[in-house]
Amino acid sequence: MNSREKGKVGERAWRDWLREQRYSKAYRGAQYCGLRGNADVVCPELPSLHFEVKRGERLDVYGAVEQAQRDCSDKYPVVAWRRNGRDWLAIMPAETLARLLRGSDLVE
């Protein structure tokens, strides 16, 4: 499978995972516009998150996060990554996590 097709498969899998979490409106961003810099997966129910999706056995974590940060505009950058046979991981800079927590009811 070439890397472009592998990317599409990964994006569909992340979209489907979001849908399983009851975010039923999630869709692949590239399928509609295909513009560079757009989120790989868009979830209207989570409008402040920018999802960059990666699939593979190895990941340049910092490179993927930097790509998400470059492309996210004013949204929170999240890298969704999964190895074969493993669970999805959501990766973000610690500052992004702090911003999310400050805006939530998890922190007193």
PDB file of N, CA and C in Angstrom:
ATOM      1  N   MET A   1       0.856  -1.170   0.000  1.00  0.00           N
ATOM      2  CA  MET A   1       0.000   0.000   0.000  1.00  0.00           C
ATOM      3  C   MET A   1       0.903   1.234   0.000  1.00  0.00           C
ATOM      4  N   ASN A   2       0.624   2.186  -0.901  1.00  0.00           N
ATOM      5  CA  ASN A   2       1.453   3.390  -0.912  1.00  0.00           C
ATOM      6  C   ASN A   2       1.078   4.317   0.241  1.00  0.00           C
ATOM      7  N   SER A   3       1.944   5.288   0.511  1.00  0.00           N
ATOM      8  CA  SER A   3       1.751   6.126   1.694  1.00  0.00           C
ATOM      9  C   SER A   3       0.494   6.978   1.609  1.00  0.00           C
ATOM     10  N   ARG A   4       0.123   7.403   0.413  1.00  0.00           N
ATOM     11  CA  ARG A   4      -1.101   8.206   0.252  1.00  0.00           C
ATOM     12  C   ARG A   4      -2.333   7.386   0.627  1.00  0.00           C
ATOM     13  N   GLU A   5      -2.388   6.155   0.129  1.00  0.00           N
ATOM     14  CA  GLU A   5      -3.515   5.277   0.454  1.00  0.00           C
ATOM     15  C   GLU A   5      -3.522   4.927   1.941  1.00  0.00           C
ATOM     16  N   LYS A   6      -2.335   4.690   2.499  1.00  0.00           N
ATOM     17  CA  LYS A   6      -2.226   4.397   3.927  1.00  0.00           C
ATOM     18  C   LYS A   6      -2.740   5.576   4.754  1.00  0.00           C
ATOM     19  N   GLY A   7      -2.447   6.803   4.298  1.00  0.00           N
ATOM     20  CA  GLY A   7      -2.941   7.990   4.973  1.00  0.00           C
ATOM     21  C   GLY A   7      -4.458   8.059   4.961  1.00  0.00           C
ATOM     22  N   LYS A   8      -5.059   7.763   3.823  1.00  0.00           N
ATOM     23  CA  LYS A   8      -6.521   7.766   3.712  1.00  0.00           C
ATOM     24  C   LYS A   8      -7.145   6.733   4.646  1.00  0.00           C
ATOM     25  N   VAL A   9      -6.535   5.551   4.678  1.00  0.00           N
ATOM     26  CA  VAL A   9      -7.049   4.483   5.552  1.00  0.00           C
ATOM     27  C   VAL A   9      -6.976   4.919   7.007  1.00  0.00           C
ATOM     28  N   GLY A  10      -5.852   5.544   7.395  1.00  0.00           N
ATOM     29  CA  GLY A  10      -5.704   6.030   8.762  1.00  0.00           C
ATOM     30  C   GLY A  10      -6.711   7.109   9.096  1.00  0.00           C
ATOM     31  N   GLU A  11      -6.938   8.033   8.161  1.00  0.00           N
ATOM     32  CA  GLU A  11      -7.914   9.106   8.390  1.00  0.00           C
ATOM     33  C   GLU A  11      -9.320   8.536   8.550  1.00  0.00           C
ATOM     34  N   ARG A  12      -9.666   7.579   7.723  1.00  0.00           N
ATOM     35  CA  ARG A  12     -10.991   6.951   7.858  1.00  0.00           C
ATOM     36  C   ARG A  12     -11.122   6.225   9.194  1.00  0.00           C
ATOM     37  N   ALA A  13     -10.048   5.565   9.619  1.00  0.00           N
ATOM     38  CA  ALA A  13     -10.090   4.838  10.893  1.00  0.00           C
ATOM     39  C   ALA A  13     -10.259   5.811  12.062  1.00  0.00           C
ATOM     40  N   TRP A  14      -9.573   6.966  12.029  1.00  0.00           N
ATOM     41  CA  TRP A  14      -9.732   7.952  13.108  1.00  0.00           C
ATOM     42  C   TRP A  14     -11.140   8.548  13.074  1.00  0.00           C
ATOM     43  N   ARG A  15     -11.630   8.847  11.876  1.00  0.00           N
ATOM     44  CA  ARG A  15     -13.003   9.333  11.737  1.00  0.00           C
ATOM     45  C   ARG A  15     -13.984   8.337  12.346  1.00  0.00           C
ATOM     46  N   ASP A  16     -13.786   7.066  12.030  1.00  0.00           N
ATOM     47  CA  ASP A  16     -14.678   6.021  12.557  1.00  0.00           C
ATOM     48  C   ASP A  16     -14.551   5.908  14.069  1.00  0.00           C
ATOM     49  N   TRP A  17     -13.342   6.060  14.612  1.00  0.00           N
ATOM     50  CA  TRP A  17     -13.155   6.020  16.061  1.00  0.00           C
ATOM     51  C   TRP A  17     -13.930   7.166  16.713  1.00  0.00           C
ATOM     52  N   LEU A  18     -13.820   8.363  16.128  1.00  0.00           N
ATOM     53  CA  LEU A  18     -14.576   9.505  16.670  1.00  0.00           C
ATOM     54  C   LEU A  18     -16.078   9.224  16.626  1.00  0.00           C
ATOM     55  N   ARG A  19     -16.531   8.634  15.536  1.00  0.00           N
ATOM     56  CA  ARG A  19     -17.953   8.317  15.429  1.00  0.00           C
ATOM     57  C   ARG A  19     -18.376   7.303  16.488  1.00  0.00           C
ATOM     58  N   GLU A  20     -17.520   6.346  16.782  1.00  0.00           N
ATOM     59  CA  GLU A  20     -17.810   5.381  17.854  1.00  0.00           C
ATOM     60  C   GLU A  20     -17.922   6.078  19.211  1.00  0.00           C
ATOM     61  N   GLN A  21     -17.251   7.215  19.353  1.00  0.00           N
ATOM     62  CA  GLN A  21     -17.303   7.988  20.598  1.00  0.00           C
ATOM     63  C   GLN A  21     -18.506   8.937  20.612  1.00  0.00           C
ATOM     64  N   ARG A  22     -19.381   8.781  19.646  1.00  0.00           N
ATOM     65  CA  ARG A  22     -20.623   9.562  19.504  1.00  0.00           C
ATOM     66  C   ARG A  22     -20.428  10.947  18.911  1.00  0.00           C
ATOM     67  N   TYR A  23     -19.347  11.136  18.185  1.00  0.00           N
ATOM     68  CA  TYR A  23     -19.162  12.354  17.405  1.00  0.00           C
ATOM     69  C   TYR A  23     -19.502  12.010  15.956  1.00  0.00           C
ATOM     70  N   SER A  24     -20.798  11.877  15.717  1.00  0.00           N
ATOM     71  CA  SER A  24     -21.298  11.279  14.475  1.00  0.00           C
ATOM     72  C   SER A  24     -21.070  12.121  13.220  1.00  0.00           C
ATOM     73  N   LYS A  25     -20.727  13.375  13.376  1.00  0.00           N
ATOM     74  CA  LYS A  25     -20.543  14.240  12.210  1.00  0.00           C
ATOM     75  C   LYS A  25     -19.098  14.312  11.731  1.00  0.00           C
ATOM     76  N   ALA A  26     -18.198  13.562  12.348  1.00  0.00           N
ATOM     77  CA  ALA A  26     -16.785  13.588  11.957  1.00  0.00           C
ATOM     78  C   ALA A  26     -16.637  13.146  10.503  1.00  0.00           C
ATOM     79  N   TYR A  27     -15.717  13.809   9.792  1.00  0.00           N
ATOM     80  CA  TYR A  27     -15.455  13.457   8.393  1.00  0.00           C
ATOM     81  C   TYR A  27     -14.006  13.773   8.044  1.00  0.00           C
ATOM     82  N   ARG A  28     -13.534  13.151   6.965  1.00  0.00           N
ATOM     83  CA  ARG A  28     -12.184  13.426   6.472  1.00  0.00           C
ATOM     84  C   ARG A  28     -12.158  14.803   5.831  1.00  0.00           C
ATOM     85  N   GLY A  29     -11.256  15.650   6.285  1.00  0.00           N
ATOM     86  CA  GLY A  29     -11.173  16.996   5.734  1.00  0.00           C
ATOM     87  C   GLY A  29     -10.737  17.020   4.284  1.00  0.00           C
ATOM     88  N   ALA A  30      -9.789  16.195   3.918  1.00  0.00           N
ATOM     89  CA  ALA A  30      -9.240  16.203   2.568  1.00  0.00           C
ATOM     90  C   ALA A  30     -10.251  15.746   1.527  1.00  0.00           C
ATOM     91  N   GLN A  31     -11.244  14.983   1.914  1.00  0.00           N
ATOM     92  CA  GLN A  31     -12.187  14.472   0.920  1.00  0.00           C
ATOM     93  C   GLN A  31     -13.027  15.592   0.319  1.00  0.00           C
ATOM     94  N   TYR A  32     -13.166  16.711   1.042  1.00  0.00           N
ATOM     95  CA  TYR A  32     -13.975  17.807   0.542  1.00  0.00           C
ATOM     96  C   TYR A  32     -13.168  18.910  -0.106  1.00  0.00           C
ATOM     97  N   CYS A  33     -12.017  19.229   0.454  1.00  0.00           N
ATOM     98  CA  CYS A  33     -11.273  20.361  -0.089  1.00  0.00           C
ATOM     99  C   CYS A  33      -9.871  19.990  -0.545  1.00  0.00           C
ATOM    100  N   GLY A  34      -9.233  19.071   0.146  1.00  0.00           N
ATOM    101  CA  GLY A  34      -7.910  18.628  -0.249  1.00  0.00           C
ATOM    102  C   GLY A  34      -6.830  19.683  -0.180  1.00  0.00           C
ATOM    103  N   LEU A  35      -7.070  20.761   0.528  1.00  0.00           N
ATOM    104  CA  LEU A  35      -6.081  21.825   0.611  1.00  0.00           C
ATOM    105  C   LEU A  35      -5.043  21.535   1.674  1.00  0.00           C
ATOM    106  N   ARG A  36      -3.815  21.869   1.365  1.00  0.00           N
ATOM    107  CA  ARG A  36      -2.728  21.683   2.313  1.00  0.00           C
ATOM    108  C   ARG A  36      -2.970  22.582   3.520  1.00  0.00           C
ATOM    109  N   GLY A  37      -2.761  22.051   4.713  1.00  0.00           N
ATOM    110  CA  GLY A  37      -2.943  22.835   5.918  1.00  0.00           C
ATOM    111  C   GLY A  37      -4.281  22.611   6.592  1.00  0.00           C
ATOM    112  N   ASN A  38      -5.201  21.946   5.917  1.00  0.00           N
ATOM    113  CA  ASN A  38      -6.487  21.651   6.549  1.00  0.00           C
ATOM    114  C   ASN A  38      -6.351  20.412   7.421  1.00  0.00           C
ATOM    115  N   ALA A  39      -7.246  20.292   8.393  1.00  0.00           N
ATOM    116  CA  ALA A  39      -7.217  19.132   9.281  1.00  0.00           C
ATOM    117  C   ALA A  39      -7.463  17.859   8.477  1.00  0.00           C
ATOM    118  N   ASP A  40      -6.802  16.776   8.878  1.00  0.00           N
ATOM    119  CA  ASP A  40      -7.036  15.485   8.225  1.00  0.00           C
ATOM    120  C   ASP A  40      -8.444  14.998   8.499  1.00  0.00           C
ATOM    121  N   VAL A  41      -8.896  15.194   9.728  1.00  0.00           N
ATOM    122  CA  VAL A  41     -10.260  14.822  10.112  1.00  0.00           C
ATOM    123  C   VAL A  41     -10.878  16.023  10.821  1.00  0.00           C
ATOM    124  N   VAL A  42     -12.103  16.341  10.436  1.00  0.00           N
ATOM    125  CA  VAL A  42     -12.838  17.464  11.009  1.00  0.00           C
ATOM    126  C   VAL A  42     -13.996  16.903  11.815  1.00  0.00           C
ATOM    127  N   CYS A  43     -14.200  17.463  12.993  1.00  0.00           N
ATOM    128  CA  CYS A  43     -15.304  17.026  13.847  1.00  0.00           C
ATOM    129  C   CYS A  43     -16.083  18.272  14.286  1.00  0.00           C
ATOM    130  N   PRO A  44     -17.224  18.552  13.639  1.00  0.00           N
ATOM    131  CA  PRO A  44     -17.997  19.747  13.984  1.00  0.00           C
ATOM    132  C   PRO A  44     -18.402  19.812  15.455  1.00  0.00           C
ATOM    133  N   GLU A  45     -18.550  18.664  16.104  1.00  0.00           N
ATOM    134  CA  GLU A  45     -18.913  18.660  17.528  1.00  0.00           C
ATOM    135  C   GLU A  45     -17.730  19.057  18.421  1.00  0.00           C
ATOM    136  N   LEU A  46     -16.527  19.039  17.874  1.00  0.00           N
ATOM    137  CA  LEU A  46     -15.310  19.442  18.597  1.00  0.00           C
ATOM    138  C   LEU A  46     -14.606  20.526  17.772  1.00  0.00           C
ATOM    139  N   PRO A  47     -15.243  21.679  17.601  1.00  0.00           N
ATOM    140  CA  PRO A  47     -14.745  22.680  16.654  1.00  0.00           C
ATOM    141  C   PRO A  47     -13.406  23.313  17.027  1.00  0.00           C
ATOM    142  N   SER A  48     -12.974  23.196  18.259  1.00  0.00           N
ATOM    143  CA  SER A  48     -11.709  23.830  18.640  1.00  0.00           C
ATOM    144  C   SER A  48     -10.506  22.898  18.496  1.00  0.00           C
ATOM    145  N   LEU A  49     -10.725  21.667  18.013  1.00  0.00           N
ATOM    146  CA  LEU A  49      -9.617  20.719  17.848  1.00  0.00           C
ATOM    147  C   LEU A  49      -9.236  20.571  16.377  1.00  0.00           C
ATOM    148  N   HIS A  50      -7.945  20.523  16.131  1.00  0.00           N
ATOM    149  CA  HIS A  50      -7.393  20.296  14.794  1.00  0.00           C
ATOM    150  C   HIS A  50      -6.705  18.938  14.822  1.00  0.00           C
ATOM    151  N   PHE A  51      -7.225  17.976  14.051  1.00  0.00           N
ATOM    152  CA  PHE A  51      -6.681  16.616  14.063  1.00  0.00           C
ATOM    153  C   PHE A  51      -5.748  16.378  12.893  1.00  0.00           C
ATOM    154  N   GLU A  52      -4.516  16.025  13.221  1.00  0.00           N
ATOM    155  CA  GLU A  52      -3.523  15.553  12.263  1.00  0.00           C
ATOM    156  C   GLU A  52      -3.410  14.056  12.515  1.00  0.00           C
ATOM    157  N   VAL A  53      -3.662  13.236  11.497  1.00  0.00           N
ATOM    158  CA  VAL A  53      -3.726  11.785  11.675  1.00  0.00           C
ATOM    159  C   VAL A  53      -2.488  11.128  11.080  1.00  0.00           C
ATOM    160  N   LYS A  54      -1.891  10.230  11.847  1.00  0.00           N
ATOM    161  CA  LYS A  54      -0.707   9.487  11.413  1.00  0.00           C
ATOM    162  C   LYS A  54      -0.918   8.006  11.698  1.00  0.00           C
ATOM    163  N   ARG A  55      -0.518   7.163  10.735  1.00  0.00           N
ATOM    164  CA  ARG A  55      -0.557   5.717  10.920  1.00  0.00           C
ATOM    165  C   ARG A  55       0.801   5.166  10.553  1.00  0.00           C
ATOM    166  N   GLY A  56       1.320   4.280  11.339  1.00  0.00           N
ATOM    167  CA  GLY A  56       2.590   3.662  11.015  1.00  0.00           C
ATOM    168  C   GLY A  56       3.283   3.149  12.249  1.00  0.00           C
ATOM    169  N   GLU A  57       4.289   2.366  12.031  1.00  0.00           N
ATOM    170  CA  GLU A  57       5.017   1.759  13.136  1.00  0.00           C
ATOM    171  C   GLU A  57       5.920   2.759  13.846  1.00  0.00           C
ATOM    172  N   ARG A  58       6.374   3.771  13.122  1.00  0.00           N
ATOM    173  CA  ARG A  58       7.250   4.784  13.707  1.00  0.00           C
ATOM    174  C   ARG A  58       6.672   6.152  13.417  1.00  0.00           C
ATOM    175  N   LEU A  59       6.922   7.066  14.343  1.00  0.00           N
ATOM    176  CA  LEU A  59       6.420   8.425  14.170  1.00  0.00           C
ATOM    177  C   LEU A  59       7.454   9.416  14.663  1.00  0.00           C
ATOM    178  N   ASP A  60       7.712  10.420  13.860  1.00  0.00           N
ATOM    179  CA  ASP A  60       8.495  11.565  14.298  1.00  0.00           C
ATOM    180  C   ASP A  60       7.517  12.440  15.075  1.00  0.00           C
ATOM    181  N   VAL A  61       7.431  12.213  16.380  1.00  0.00           N
ATOM    182  CA  VAL A  61       6.421  12.865  17.219  1.00  0.00           C
ATOM    183  C   VAL A  61       6.536  14.380  17.121  1.00  0.00           C
ATOM    184  N   TYR A  62       7.728  14.899  17.309  1.00  0.00           N
ATOM    185  CA  TYR A  62       7.888  16.352  17.274  1.00  0.00           C
ATOM    186  C   TYR A  62       7.568  16.917  15.891  1.00  0.00           C
ATOM    187  N   GLY A  63       7.952  16.209  14.850  1.00  0.00           N
ATOM    188  CA  GLY A  63       7.623  16.653  13.493  1.00  0.00           C
ATOM    189  C   GLY A  63       6.116  16.677  13.255  1.00  0.00           C
ATOM    190  N   ALA A  64       5.420  15.656  13.736  1.00  0.00           N
ATOM    191  CA  ALA A  64       3.969  15.595  13.574  1.00  0.00           C
ATOM    192  C   ALA A  64       3.279  16.697  14.364  1.00  0.00           C
ATOM    193  N   VAL A  65       3.736  16.934  15.587  1.00  0.00           N
ATOM    194  CA  VAL A  65       3.154  18.003  16.416  1.00  0.00           C
ATOM    195  C   VAL A  65       3.423  19.361  15.770  1.00  0.00           C
ATOM    196  N   GLU A  66       4.634  19.565  15.260  1.00  0.00           N
ATOM    197  CA  GLU A  66       4.950  20.832  14.597  1.00  0.00           C
ATOM    198  C   GLU A  66       4.063  21.053  13.378  1.00  0.00           C
ATOM    199  N   GLN A  67       3.799  19.996  12.616  1.00  0.00           N
ATOM    200  CA  GLN A  67       2.897  20.107  11.473  1.00  0.00           C
ATOM    201  C   GLN A  67       1.495  20.510  11.930  1.00  0.00           C
ATOM    202  N   ALA A  68       0.998  19.859  12.971  1.00  0.00           N
ATOM    203  CA  ALA A  68      -0.327  20.189  13.504  1.00  0.00           C
ATOM    204  C   ALA A  68      -0.367  21.630  14.006  1.00  0.00           C
ATOM    205  N   GLN A  69       0.688  22.066  14.679  1.00  0.00           N
ATOM    206  CA  GLN A  69       0.737  23.447  15.181  1.00  0.00           C
ATOM    207  C   GLN A  69       0.764  24.455  14.038  1.00  0.00           C
ATOM    208  N   ARG A  70       1.511  24.158  12.982  1.00  0.00           N
ATOM    209  CA  ARG A  70       1.582  25.046  11.818  1.00  0.00           C
ATOM    210  C   ARG A  70       0.222  25.207  11.164  1.00  0.00           C
ATOM    211  N   ASP A  71      -0.524  24.110  11.115  1.00  0.00           N
ATOM    212  CA  ASP A  71      -1.769  24.080  10.352  1.00  0.00           C
ATOM    213  C   ASP A  71      -3.017  24.432  11.150  1.00  0.00           C
ATOM    214  N   CYS A  72      -2.913  24.514  12.471  1.00  0.00           N
ATOM    215  CA  CYS A  72      -4.119  24.560  13.294  1.00  0.00           C
ATOM    216  C   CYS A  72      -4.762  25.925  13.440  1.00  0.00           C
ATOM    217  N   SER A  73      -4.103  26.990  13.018  1.00  0.00           N
ATOM    218  CA  SER A  73      -4.639  28.340  13.186  1.00  0.00           C
ATOM    219  C   SER A  73      -4.851  28.616  14.665  1.00  0.00           C
ATOM    220  N   ASP A  74      -6.080  28.904  15.086  1.00  0.00           N
ATOM    221  CA  ASP A  74      -6.343  29.200  16.500  1.00  0.00           C
ATOM    222  C   ASP A  74      -6.949  28.010  17.244  1.00  0.00           C
ATOM    223  N   LYS A  75      -6.890  26.830  16.618  1.00  0.00           N
ATOM    224  CA  LYS A  75      -7.444  25.628  17.247  1.00  0.00           C
ATOM    225  C   LYS A  75      -6.370  24.911  18.064  1.00  0.00           C
ATOM    226  N   TYR A  76      -6.797  23.917  18.829  1.00  0.00           N
ATOM    227  CA  TYR A  76      -5.867  23.095  19.599  1.00  0.00           C
ATOM    228  C   TYR A  76      -5.321  21.986  18.699  1.00  0.00           C
ATOM    229  N   PRO A  77      -3.996  21.881  18.546  1.00  0.00           N
ATOM    230  CA  PRO A  77      -3.430  20.837  17.694  1.00  0.00           C
ATOM    231  C   PRO A  77      -3.392  19.482  18.398  1.00  0.00           C
ATOM    232  N   VAL A  78      -3.904  18.458  17.729  1.00  0.00           N
ATOM    233  CA  VAL A  78      -3.902  17.095  18.259  1.00  0.00           C
ATOM    234  C   VAL A  78      -3.403  16.165  17.158  1.00  0.00           C
ATOM    235  N   VAL A  79      -2.407  15.354  17.472  1.00  0.00           N
ATOM    236  CA  VAL A  79      -1.943  14.324  16.544  1.00  0.00           C
ATOM    237  C   VAL A  79      -2.558  13.003  16.991  1.00  0.00           C
ATOM    238  N   ALA A  80      -3.324  12.381  16.114  1.00  0.00           N
ATOM    239  CA  ALA A  80      -3.892  11.063  16.378  1.00  0.00           C
ATOM    240  C   ALA A  80      -2.992  10.052  15.677  1.00  0.00           C
ATOM    241  N   TRP A  81      -2.430   9.117  16.455  1.00  0.00           N
ATOM    242  CA  TRP A  81      -1.473   8.158  15.897  1.00  0.00           C
ATOM    243  C   TRP A  81      -1.815   6.752  16.364  1.00  0.00           C
ATOM    244  N   ARG A  82      -1.637   5.813  15.438  1.00  0.00           N
ATOM    245  CA  ARG A  82      -1.867   4.419  15.791  1.00  0.00           C
ATOM    246  C   ARG A  82      -0.904   3.526  15.038  1.00  0.00           C
ATOM    247  N   ARG A  83      -0.313   2.604  15.777  1.00  0.00           N
ATOM    248  CA  ARG A  83       0.478   1.523  15.183  1.00  0.00           C
ATOM    249  C   ARG A  83      -0.467   0.380  14.847  1.00  0.00           C
ATOM    250  N   ASN A  84      -0.028  -0.511  13.993  1.00  0.00           N
ATOM    251  CA  ASN A  84      -0.825  -1.696  13.677  1.00  0.00           C
ATOM    252  C   ASN A  84      -1.076  -2.506  14.940  1.00  0.00           C
ATOM    253  N   GLY A  85      -2.318  -2.881  15.150  1.00  0.00           N
ATOM    254  CA  GLY A  85      -2.670  -3.726  16.282  1.00  0.00           C
ATOM    255  C   GLY A  85      -2.671  -3.027  17.628  1.00  0.00           C
ATOM    256  N   ARG A  86      -2.553  -1.721  17.646  1.00  0.00           N
ATOM    257  CA  ARG A  86      -2.502  -0.966  18.902  1.00  0.00           C
ATOM    258  C   ARG A  86      -3.655   0.024  18.957  1.00  0.00           C
ATOM    259  N   ASP A  87      -3.884   0.591  20.149  1.00  0.00           N
ATOM    260  CA  ASP A  87      -4.919   1.608  20.327  1.00  0.00           C
ATOM    261  C   ASP A  87      -4.431   2.962  19.808  1.00  0.00           C
ATOM    262  N   TRP A  88      -5.381   3.823  19.506  1.00  0.00           N
ATOM    263  CA  TRP A  88      -5.060   5.179  19.103  1.00  0.00           C
ATOM    264  C   TRP A  88      -4.454   5.955  20.268  1.00  0.00           C
ATOM    265  N   LEU A  89      -3.514   6.834  19.945  1.00  0.00           N
ATOM    266  CA  LEU A  89      -2.967   7.787  20.902  1.00  0.00           C
ATOM    267  C   LEU A  89      -3.301   9.196  20.408  1.00  0.00           C
ATOM    268  N   ALA A  90      -3.631  10.075  21.339  1.00  0.00           N
ATOM    269  CA  ALA A  90      -3.822  11.493  21.031  1.00  0.00           C
ATOM    270  C   ALA A  90      -2.654  12.230  21.653  1.00  0.00           C
ATOM    271  N   ILE A  91      -1.873  12.895  20.819  1.00  0.00           N
ATOM    272  CA  ILE A  91      -0.636  13.542  21.250  1.00  0.00           C
ATOM    273  C   ILE A  91      -0.794  15.046  21.071  1.00  0.00           C
ATOM    274  N   MET A  92      -0.423  15.790  22.104  1.00  0.00           N
ATOM    275  CA  MET A  92      -0.486  17.252  22.025  1.00  0.00           C
ATOM    276  C   MET A  92       0.590  17.858  22.901  1.00  0.00           C
ATOM    277  N   PRO A  93       0.986  19.099  22.615  1.00  0.00           N
ATOM    278  CA  PRO A  93       1.939  19.766  23.495  1.00  0.00           C
ATOM    279  C   PRO A  93       1.326  19.950  24.884  1.00  0.00           C
ATOM    280  N   ALA A  94       2.155  19.927  25.905  1.00  0.00           N
ATOM    281  CA  ALA A  94       1.670  20.097  27.278  1.00  0.00           C
ATOM    282  C   ALA A  94       0.941  21.427  27.440  1.00  0.00           C
ATOM    283  N   GLU A  95       1.405  22.466  26.775  1.00  0.00           N
ATOM    284  CA  GLU A  95       0.730  23.773  26.856  1.00  0.00           C
ATOM    285  C   GLU A  95      -0.691  23.683  26.300  1.00  0.00           C
ATOM    286  N   THR A  96      -0.888  22.893  25.261  1.00  0.00           N
ATOM    287  CA  THR A  96      -2.231  22.686  24.721  1.00  0.00           C
ATOM    288  C   THR A  96      -3.109  22.003  25.758  1.00  0.00           C
ATOM    289  N   LEU A  97      -2.572  20.986  26.424  1.00  0.00           N
ATOM    290  CA  LEU A  97      -3.324  20.309  27.477  1.00  0.00           C
ATOM    291  C   LEU A  97      -3.684  21.295  28.588  1.00  0.00           C
ATOM    292  N   ALA A  98      -2.741  22.139  28.978  1.00  0.00           N
ATOM    293  CA  ALA A  98      -3.008  23.131  30.029  1.00  0.00           C
ATOM    294  C   ALA A  98      -4.110  24.085  29.608  1.00  0.00           C
ATOM    295  N   ARG A  99      -4.090  24.543  28.351  1.00  0.00           N
ATOM    296  CA  ARG A  99      -5.149  25.442  27.854  1.00  0.00           C
ATOM    297  C   ARG A  99      -6.501  24.745  27.878  1.00  0.00           C
ATOM    298  N   LEU A 100      -6.521  23.487  27.476  1.00  0.00           N
ATOM    299  CA  LEU A 100      -7.785  22.730  27.501  1.00  0.00           C
ATOM    300  C   LEU A 100      -8.301  22.564  28.923  1.00  0.00           C
ATOM    301  N   LEU A 101      -7.408  22.235  29.842  1.00  0.00           N
ATOM    302  CA  LEU A 101      -7.816  22.034  31.229  1.00  0.00           C
ATOM    303  C   LEU A 101      -8.306  23.326  31.878  1.00  0.00           C
ATOM    304  N   ARG A 102      -7.662  24.430  31.544  1.00  0.00           N
ATOM    305  CA  ARG A 102      -8.104  25.723  32.097  1.00  0.00           C
ATOM    306  C   ARG A 102      -9.532  26.043  31.661  1.00  0.00           C
ATOM    307  N   GLY A 103      -9.919  25.562  30.490  1.00  0.00           N
ATOM    308  CA  GLY A 103     -11.260  25.834  29.982  1.00  0.00           C
ATOM    309  C   GLY A 103     -12.272  24.766  30.333  1.00  0.00           C
ATOM    310  N   SER A 104     -11.886  23.794  31.145  1.00  0.00           N
ATOM    311  CA  SER A 104     -12.806  22.696  31.467  1.00  0.00           C
ATOM    312  C   SER A 104     -13.228  22.733  32.937  1.00  0.00           C
ATOM    313  N   ASP A 105     -14.125  21.840  33.267  1.00  0.00           N
ATOM    314  CA  ASP A 105     -14.554  21.725  34.666  1.00  0.00           C
ATOM    315  C   ASP A 105     -13.760  20.665  35.407  1.00  0.00           C
ATOM    316  N   LEU A 106     -12.669  20.173  34.811  1.00  0.00           N
ATOM    317  CA  LEU A 106     -11.822  19.173  35.459  1.00  0.00           C
ATOM    318  C   LEU A 106     -10.919  19.792  36.508  1.00  0.00           C
ATOM    319  N   VAL A 107     -10.651  21.093  36.369  1.00  0.00           N
ATOM    320  CA  VAL A 107      -9.735  21.784  37.267  1.00  0.00           C
ATOM    321  C   VAL A 107     -10.527  22.727  38.154  1.00  0.00           C
ATOM    322  N   GLU A 108     -10.222  22.692  39.436  1.00  0.00           N
ATOM    323  CA  GLU A 108     -10.945  23.575  40.372  1.00  0.00           C
ATOM    324  C   GLU A 108     -10.296  24.930  40.439  1.00  0.00           C
TER     325      GLU A 108
END
